[in-house]
C-alpha atoms as a PDB file:
ATOM      1  CA  MET A   1      90.274  25.560  59.995  1.00  0.00           C
ATOM      2  CA  GLY A   2      89.561  29.242  59.463  1.00  0.00           C
ATOM      3  CA  GLU A   3      93.293  29.877  59.684  1.00  0.00           C
ATOM      4  CA  ASP A   4      93.951  27.458  56.794  1.00  0.00           C
ATOM      5  CA  ILE A   5      91.446  29.226  54.515  1.00  0.00           C
ATOM      6  CA  LYS A   6      92.890  32.603  55.316  1.00  0.00           C
ATOM      7  CA  ARG A   7      96.415  31.402  54.687  1.00  0.00           C
ATOM      8  CA  ASN A   8      95.484  29.887  51.319  1.00  0.00           C
ATOM      9  CA  ASN A   9      93.542  32.960  50.289  1.00  0.00           C
ATOM     10  CA  ASP A  10      96.457  35.286  50.887  1.00  0.00           C
ATOM     11  CA  LYS A  11      98.058  34.074  47.685  1.00  0.00           C
ATOM     12  CA  ILE A  12      97.581  36.072  44.567  1.00  0.00           C
ATOM     13  CA  PRO A  13      95.978  34.676  42.566  1.00  0.00           C
ATOM     14  CA  PHE A  14      93.967  32.546  44.874  1.00  0.00           C
ATOM     15  CA  ASP A  15      94.434  28.889  44.341  1.00  0.00           C
ATOM     16  CA  GLU A  16      90.760  28.305  43.846  1.00  0.00           C
ATOM     17  CA  ASN A  17      90.384  31.292  41.594  1.00  0.00           C
ATOM     18  CA  ASN A  18      91.615  31.603  38.019  1.00  0.00           C
ATOM     19  CA  TYR A  19      89.887  34.986  37.468  1.00  0.00           C
ATOM     20  CA  THR A  20      87.136  33.335  35.510  1.00  0.00           C
ATOM     21  CA  HIS A  21      85.295  31.823  38.400  1.00  0.00           C
ATOM     22  CA  ASN A  22      82.353  34.169  37.902  1.00  0.00           C
ATOM     23  CA  ILE A  23      81.939  33.345  34.216  1.00  0.00           C
ATOM     24  CA  ARG A  24      79.492  30.661  33.334  1.00  0.00           C
ATOM     25  CA  LYS A  25      81.355  29.390  30.351  1.00  0.00           C
ATOM     26  CA  ALA A  26      78.355  27.721  28.813  1.00  0.00           C
ATOM     27  CA  GLY A  27      76.512  30.980  28.227  1.00  0.00           C
ATOM     28  CA  GLU A  28      78.518  34.066  28.955  1.00  0.00           C
ATOM     29  CA  ARG A  29      81.639  33.460  26.906  1.00  0.00           C
ATOM     30  CA  ARG A  30      79.771  33.453  23.606  1.00  0.00           C
ATOM     31  CA  LEU A  31      80.404  37.134  23.099  1.00  0.00           C
ATOM     32  CA  ASP A  32      83.883  37.959  24.261  1.00  0.00           C
ATOM     33  CA  ARG A  33      85.923  40.903  23.022  1.00  0.00           C
ATOM     34  CA  ARG A  34      87.001  39.114  19.850  1.00  0.00           C
ATOM     35  CA  GLY A  35      83.461  37.955  19.144  1.00  0.00           C
ATOM     36  CA  PHE A  36      82.143  41.451  19.721  1.00  0.00           C
ATOM     37  CA  MET A  37      84.695  42.907  17.267  1.00  0.00           C
ATOM     38  CA  LYS A  38      83.814  40.291  14.653  1.00  0.00           C
ATOM     39  CA  THR A  39      80.141  41.118  15.075  1.00  0.00           C
ATOM     40  CA  MET A  40      80.799  44.860  14.695  1.00  0.00           C
ATOM     41  CA  VAL A  41      82.925  44.363  11.564  1.00  0.00           C
ATOM     42  CA  GLY A  42      80.217  42.151  10.087  1.00  0.00           C
ATOM     43  CA  ALA A  43      77.515  44.698  10.905  1.00  0.00           C
ATOM     44  CA  ALA A  44      79.588  47.514   9.384  1.00  0.00           C
ATOM     45  CA  GLY A  45      80.098  45.435   6.236  1.00  0.00           C
ATOM     46  CA  ILE A  46      76.400  44.714   5.909  1.00  0.00           C
ATOM     47  CA  PHE A  47      75.636  48.418   6.426  1.00  0.00           C
ATOM     48  CA  ALA A  48      78.206  49.431   3.808  1.00  0.00           C
ATOM     49  CA  VAL A  49      76.889  46.979   1.235  1.00  0.00           C
ATOM     50  CA  SER A  50      73.270  47.899   1.895  1.00  0.00           C
ATOM     51  CA  THR A  51      73.937  51.636   1.416  1.00  0.00           C
ATOM     52  CA  MET A  52      75.953  51.271  -1.806  1.00  0.00           C
ATOM     53  CA  PRO A  53      72.976  51.942  -4.097  1.00  0.00           C
ATOM     54  CA  TRP A  54      72.268  55.229  -2.290  1.00  0.00           C
ATOM     55  CA  GLY A  55      75.916  56.191  -2.497  1.00  0.00           C
ATOM     56  CA  ALA A  56      75.956  55.475  -6.221  1.00  0.00           C
ATOM     57  CA  ILE A  57      72.880  57.641  -6.718  1.00  0.00           C
ATOM     58  CA  ALA A  58      74.444  60.472  -4.690  1.00  0.00           C
ATOM     59  CA  VAL A  59      77.697  60.315  -6.673  1.00  0.00           C
ATOM     60  CA  LYS A  60      75.761  60.294  -9.927  1.00  0.00           C
ATOM     61  CA  GLU A  61      73.760  63.376  -8.902  1.00  0.00           C
ATOM     62  CA  LEU A  62      76.696  65.306  -7.457  1.00  0.00           C
ATOM     63  CA  THR A  63      78.966  64.733 -10.433  1.00  0.00           C
ATOM     64  CA  GLY A  64      76.275  65.557 -12.971  1.00  0.00           C
ATOM     65  CA  LEU A  65      76.562  62.196 -14.692  1.00  0.00           C
ATOM     66  CA  GLY A  66      72.869  61.686 -14.246  1.00  0.00           C
ATOM     67  CA  SER A  67      71.794  64.881 -15.938  1.00  0.00           C
ATOM     68  CA  LYS A  68      68.221  64.634 -16.923  1.00  0.00           C
ATOM     69  CA  SER A  69      66.996  65.539 -20.323  1.00  0.00           C
ATOM     70  CA  HIS A  70      63.761  67.398 -20.661  1.00  0.00           C
ATOM     71  CA  PRO A  71      61.615  67.741 -23.722  1.00  0.00           C
ATOM     72  CA  LYS A  72      61.686  70.949 -25.708  1.00  0.00           C
ATOM     73  CA  GLN A  73      58.447  72.815 -25.223  1.00  0.00           C
ATOM     74  CA  LYS A  74      57.198  75.969 -26.921  1.00  0.00           C
ATOM     75  CA  LEU A  75      56.068  78.518 -24.331  1.00  0.00           C
ATOM     76  CA  ALA A  76      55.003  81.557 -26.331  1.00  0.00           C
ATOM     77  CA  ASN A  77      55.765  83.756 -29.288  1.00  0.00           C
ATOM     78  CA  ALA A  78      58.158  86.459 -28.108  1.00  0.00           C
ATOM     79  CA  ASN A  79      55.988  89.266 -29.496  1.00  0.00           C
ATOM     80  CA  ASP A  80      52.885  87.984 -27.720  1.00  0.00           C
ATOM     81  CA  LEU A  81      54.428  88.816 -24.357  1.00  0.00           C
ATOM     82  CA  LYS A  82      54.969  92.514 -23.559  1.00  0.00           C
ATOM     83  CA  ILE A  83      57.953  93.718 -21.557  1.00  0.00           C
ATOM     84  CA  GLY A  84      57.196  93.347 -17.848  1.00  0.00           C
ATOM     85  CA  GLU A  85      54.524  90.710 -18.339  1.00  0.00           C
ATOM     86  CA  ALA A  86      54.574  87.083 -17.293  1.00  0.00           C
ATOM     87  CA  ILE A  87      52.804  83.884 -18.211  1.00  0.00           C
ATOM     88  CA  GLU A  88      52.435  80.635 -16.334  1.00  0.00           C
ATOM     89  CA  PHE A  89      53.127  77.274 -17.885  1.00  0.00           C
ATOM     90  CA  ALA A  90      53.801  73.693 -16.832  1.00  0.00           C
ATOM     91  CA  TYR A  91      57.304  72.329 -17.349  1.00  0.00           C
ATOM     92  CA  PRO A  92      58.821  69.710 -17.454  1.00  0.00           C
ATOM     93  CA  GLY A  93      55.820  67.759 -16.222  1.00  0.00           C
ATOM     94  CA  GLU A  94      52.193  68.724 -16.340  1.00  0.00           C
ATOM     95  CA  HIS A  95      52.208  69.248 -12.539  1.00  0.00           C
ATOM     96  CA  ASP A  96      55.384  71.367 -12.461  1.00  0.00           C
ATOM     97  CA  ALA A  97      54.182  74.941 -12.532  1.00  0.00           C
ATOM     98  CA  ALA A  98      56.559  77.527 -13.921  1.00  0.00           C
ATOM     99  CA  LEU A  99      56.624  81.212 -14.707  1.00  0.00           C
ATOM    100  CA  LEU A 100      58.037  83.025 -17.769  1.00  0.00           C
ATOM    101  CA  VAL A 101      58.818  86.734 -17.370  1.00  0.00           C
ATOM    102  CA  ARG A 102      59.869  89.102 -20.137  1.00  0.00           C
ATOM    103  CA  LEU A 103      62.352  91.561 -18.669  1.00  0.00           C
ATOM    104  CA  GLY A 104      63.549  93.324 -21.799  1.00  0.00           C
ATOM    105  CA  GLU A 105      63.417  93.296 -25.573  1.00  0.00           C
ATOM    106  CA  ASN A 106      65.381  90.050 -25.768  1.00  0.00           C
ATOM    107  CA  GLU A 107      65.577  89.131 -22.099  1.00  0.00           C
ATOM    108  CA  PHE A 108      63.385  86.345 -20.777  1.00  0.00           C
ATOM    109  CA  LYS A 109      63.638  84.448 -17.502  1.00  0.00           C
ATOM    110  CA  ALA A 110      61.696  81.421 -16.378  1.00  0.00           C
ATOM    111  CA  TYR A 111      61.586  79.662 -13.035  1.00  0.00           C
ATOM    112  CA  GLN A 112      59.641  76.860 -11.496  1.00  0.00           C
ATOM    113  CA  ASN A 113      57.232  78.781  -9.349  1.00  0.00           C
ATOM    114  CA  ALA A 114      57.068  76.636  -6.241  1.00  0.00           C
ATOM    115  CA  CYS A 115      58.628  78.603  -3.378  1.00  0.00           C
ATOM    116  CA  THR A 116      61.705  76.884  -2.001  1.00  0.00           C
ATOM    117  CA  HIS A 117      60.447  77.469   1.530  1.00  0.00           C
ATOM    118  CA  LEU A 118      57.159  75.546   1.659  1.00  0.00           C
ATOM    119  CA  LYS A 119      56.230  75.147  -2.025  1.00  0.00           C
ATOM    120  CA  CYS A 120      53.621  77.896  -2.155  1.00  0.00           C
ATOM    121  CA  PRO A 121      53.105  79.333  -5.638  1.00  0.00           C
ATOM    122  CA  VAL A 122      55.305  82.288  -6.540  1.00  0.00           C
ATOM    123  CA  PHE A 123      53.885  85.194  -8.513  1.00  0.00           C
ATOM    124  CA  TRP A 124      55.422  87.929 -10.644  1.00  0.00           C
ATOM    125  CA  SER A 125      54.906  91.410  -9.247  1.00  0.00           C
ATOM    126  CA  LYS A 126      55.448  93.879 -12.079  1.00  0.00           C
ATOM    127  CA  GLU A 127      55.077  96.834  -9.695  1.00  0.00           C
ATOM    128  CA  GLU A 128      57.767  95.548  -7.311  1.00  0.00           C
ATOM    129  CA  GLY A 129      59.917  94.033 -10.066  1.00  0.00           C
ATOM    130  CA  ARG A 130      60.410  90.762  -8.219  1.00  0.00           C
ATOM    131  CA  LEU A 131      58.886  87.358  -7.665  1.00  0.00           C
ATOM    132  CA  VAL A 132      56.687  87.148  -4.596  1.00  0.00           C
ATOM    133  CA  CYS A 133      55.611  84.239  -2.430  1.00  0.00           C
ATOM    134  CA  PRO A 134      52.511  85.491  -0.621  1.00  0.00           C
ATOM    135  CA  CYS A 135      52.373  82.670   1.932  1.00  0.00           C
ATOM    136  CA  HIS A 136      55.271  83.855   4.127  1.00  0.00           C
ATOM    137  CA  HIS A 137      56.317  87.053   2.325  1.00  0.00           C
ATOM    138  CA  GLY A 138      59.250  85.559   0.511  1.00  0.00           C
ATOM    139  CA  PHE A 139      60.801  87.520  -2.330  1.00  0.00           C
ATOM    140  CA  PHE A 140      63.069  86.406  -5.168  1.00  0.00           C
ATOM    141  CA  ASP A 141      65.261  88.351  -7.577  1.00  0.00           C
ATOM    142  CA  VAL A 142      63.763  87.914 -11.026  1.00  0.00           C
ATOM    143  CA  LYS A 143      67.166  87.979 -12.795  1.00  0.00           C
ATOM    144  CA  THR A 144      68.823  85.299 -10.666  1.00  0.00           C
ATOM    145  CA  GLY A 145      66.010  83.517  -8.851  1.00  0.00           C
ATOM    146  CA  LYS A 146      67.847  83.993  -5.554  1.00  0.00           C
ATOM    147  CA  PRO A 147      65.850  84.867  -2.448  1.00  0.00           C
ATOM    148  CA  THR A 148      66.105  88.514  -1.409  1.00  0.00           C
ATOM    149  CA  ALA A 149      63.860  88.537   1.665  1.00  0.00           C
ATOM    150  CA  GLY A 150      61.691  86.305   3.791  1.00  0.00           C
ATOM    151  CA  PRO A 151      62.150  82.721   4.873  1.00  0.00           C
ATOM    152  CA  PRO A 152      63.274  81.088   1.573  1.00  0.00           C
ATOM    153  CA  GLN A 153      66.958  80.167   1.678  1.00  0.00           C
ATOM    154  CA  ARG A 154      67.419  78.561  -1.743  1.00  0.00           C
ATOM    155  CA  PRO A 155      66.953  80.012  -5.232  1.00  0.00           C
ATOM    156  CA  LEU A 156      64.098  79.032  -7.494  1.00  0.00           C
ATOM    157  CA  PRO A 157      65.016  76.336 -10.035  1.00  0.00           C
ATOM    158  CA  GLU A 158      65.614  78.080 -13.345  1.00  0.00           C
ATOM    159  CA  VAL A 159      64.086  76.834 -16.556  1.00  0.00           C
ATOM    160  CA  VAL A 160      66.531  76.937 -19.470  1.00  0.00           C
ATOM    161  CA  LEU A 161      65.150  78.916 -22.390  1.00  0.00           C
ATOM    162  CA  SER A 162      65.975  79.220 -26.047  1.00  0.00           C
ATOM    163  CA  LYS A 163      64.619  81.549 -28.685  1.00  0.00           C
ATOM    164  CA  GLU A 164      64.043  80.181 -32.150  1.00  0.00           C
ATOM    165  CA  GLN A 165      62.229  81.889 -34.994  1.00  0.00           C
ATOM    166  CA  GLY A 166      60.540  84.357 -32.689  1.00  0.00           C
ATOM    167  CA  ALA A 167      59.301  81.772 -30.221  1.00  0.00           C
ATOM    168  CA  ILE A 168      60.477  81.027 -26.678  1.00  0.00           C
ATOM    169  CA  TYR A 169      61.148  77.382 -25.846  1.00  0.00           C
ATOM    170  CA  ALA A 170      61.868  75.657 -22.555  1.00  0.00           C
ATOM    171  CA  THR A 171      64.671  73.138 -23.017  1.00  0.00           C
ATOM    172  CA  GLY A 172      65.577  72.056 -19.501  1.00  0.00           C
ATOM    173  CA  VAL A 173      65.825  72.842 -15.816  1.00  0.00           C
ATOM    174  CA  LYS A 174      69.142  73.928 -14.315  1.00  0.00           C
ATOM    175  CA  ARG A 175      70.541  71.820 -11.531  1.00  0.00           C
ATOM    176  CA  TYR A 176      70.236  73.198  -8.050  1.00  0.00           C
ATOM    177  CA  GLU A 177      73.558  74.642  -6.933  1.00  0.00           C
ATOM    178  CA  THR A 178      74.376  75.936  -3.495  1.00  0.00           C
END
């Protein structure tokens, strides 16, 4: 008796075994390799479709197609501001603080004055000739808005200016560029 079983089991494959003897076909064969691949392709498709709006927004921002327009706002009369002085203003929104600095006879620069590190207010230091963030000792070049020292890594957003009939106007905010 034992000899018969051993003799039959020496065959490869075993007679009683078709390599699927351990699979309970009613439950375990629902997700085979093909089913798994179909599920993954379906999940990837759903993910791709669900992220399309974000991709469209990113493309719009990166290509500049979605450039925002800002209202023109009078900041000051050019003669009211002495060389080396600065004034604060809100632009483009009432909660967007900005800073206008007169650097020369006809040279004005304006930046949004929220530090690019942790959004602390940035101040003009006439003595040092640079913009200063007192929270973490960050410093910015007043002519470019780029950080010169401290933890800030990105430049301050520059406010676009125009001069008309002796007055300085803010006309927009430059896009952030790396």
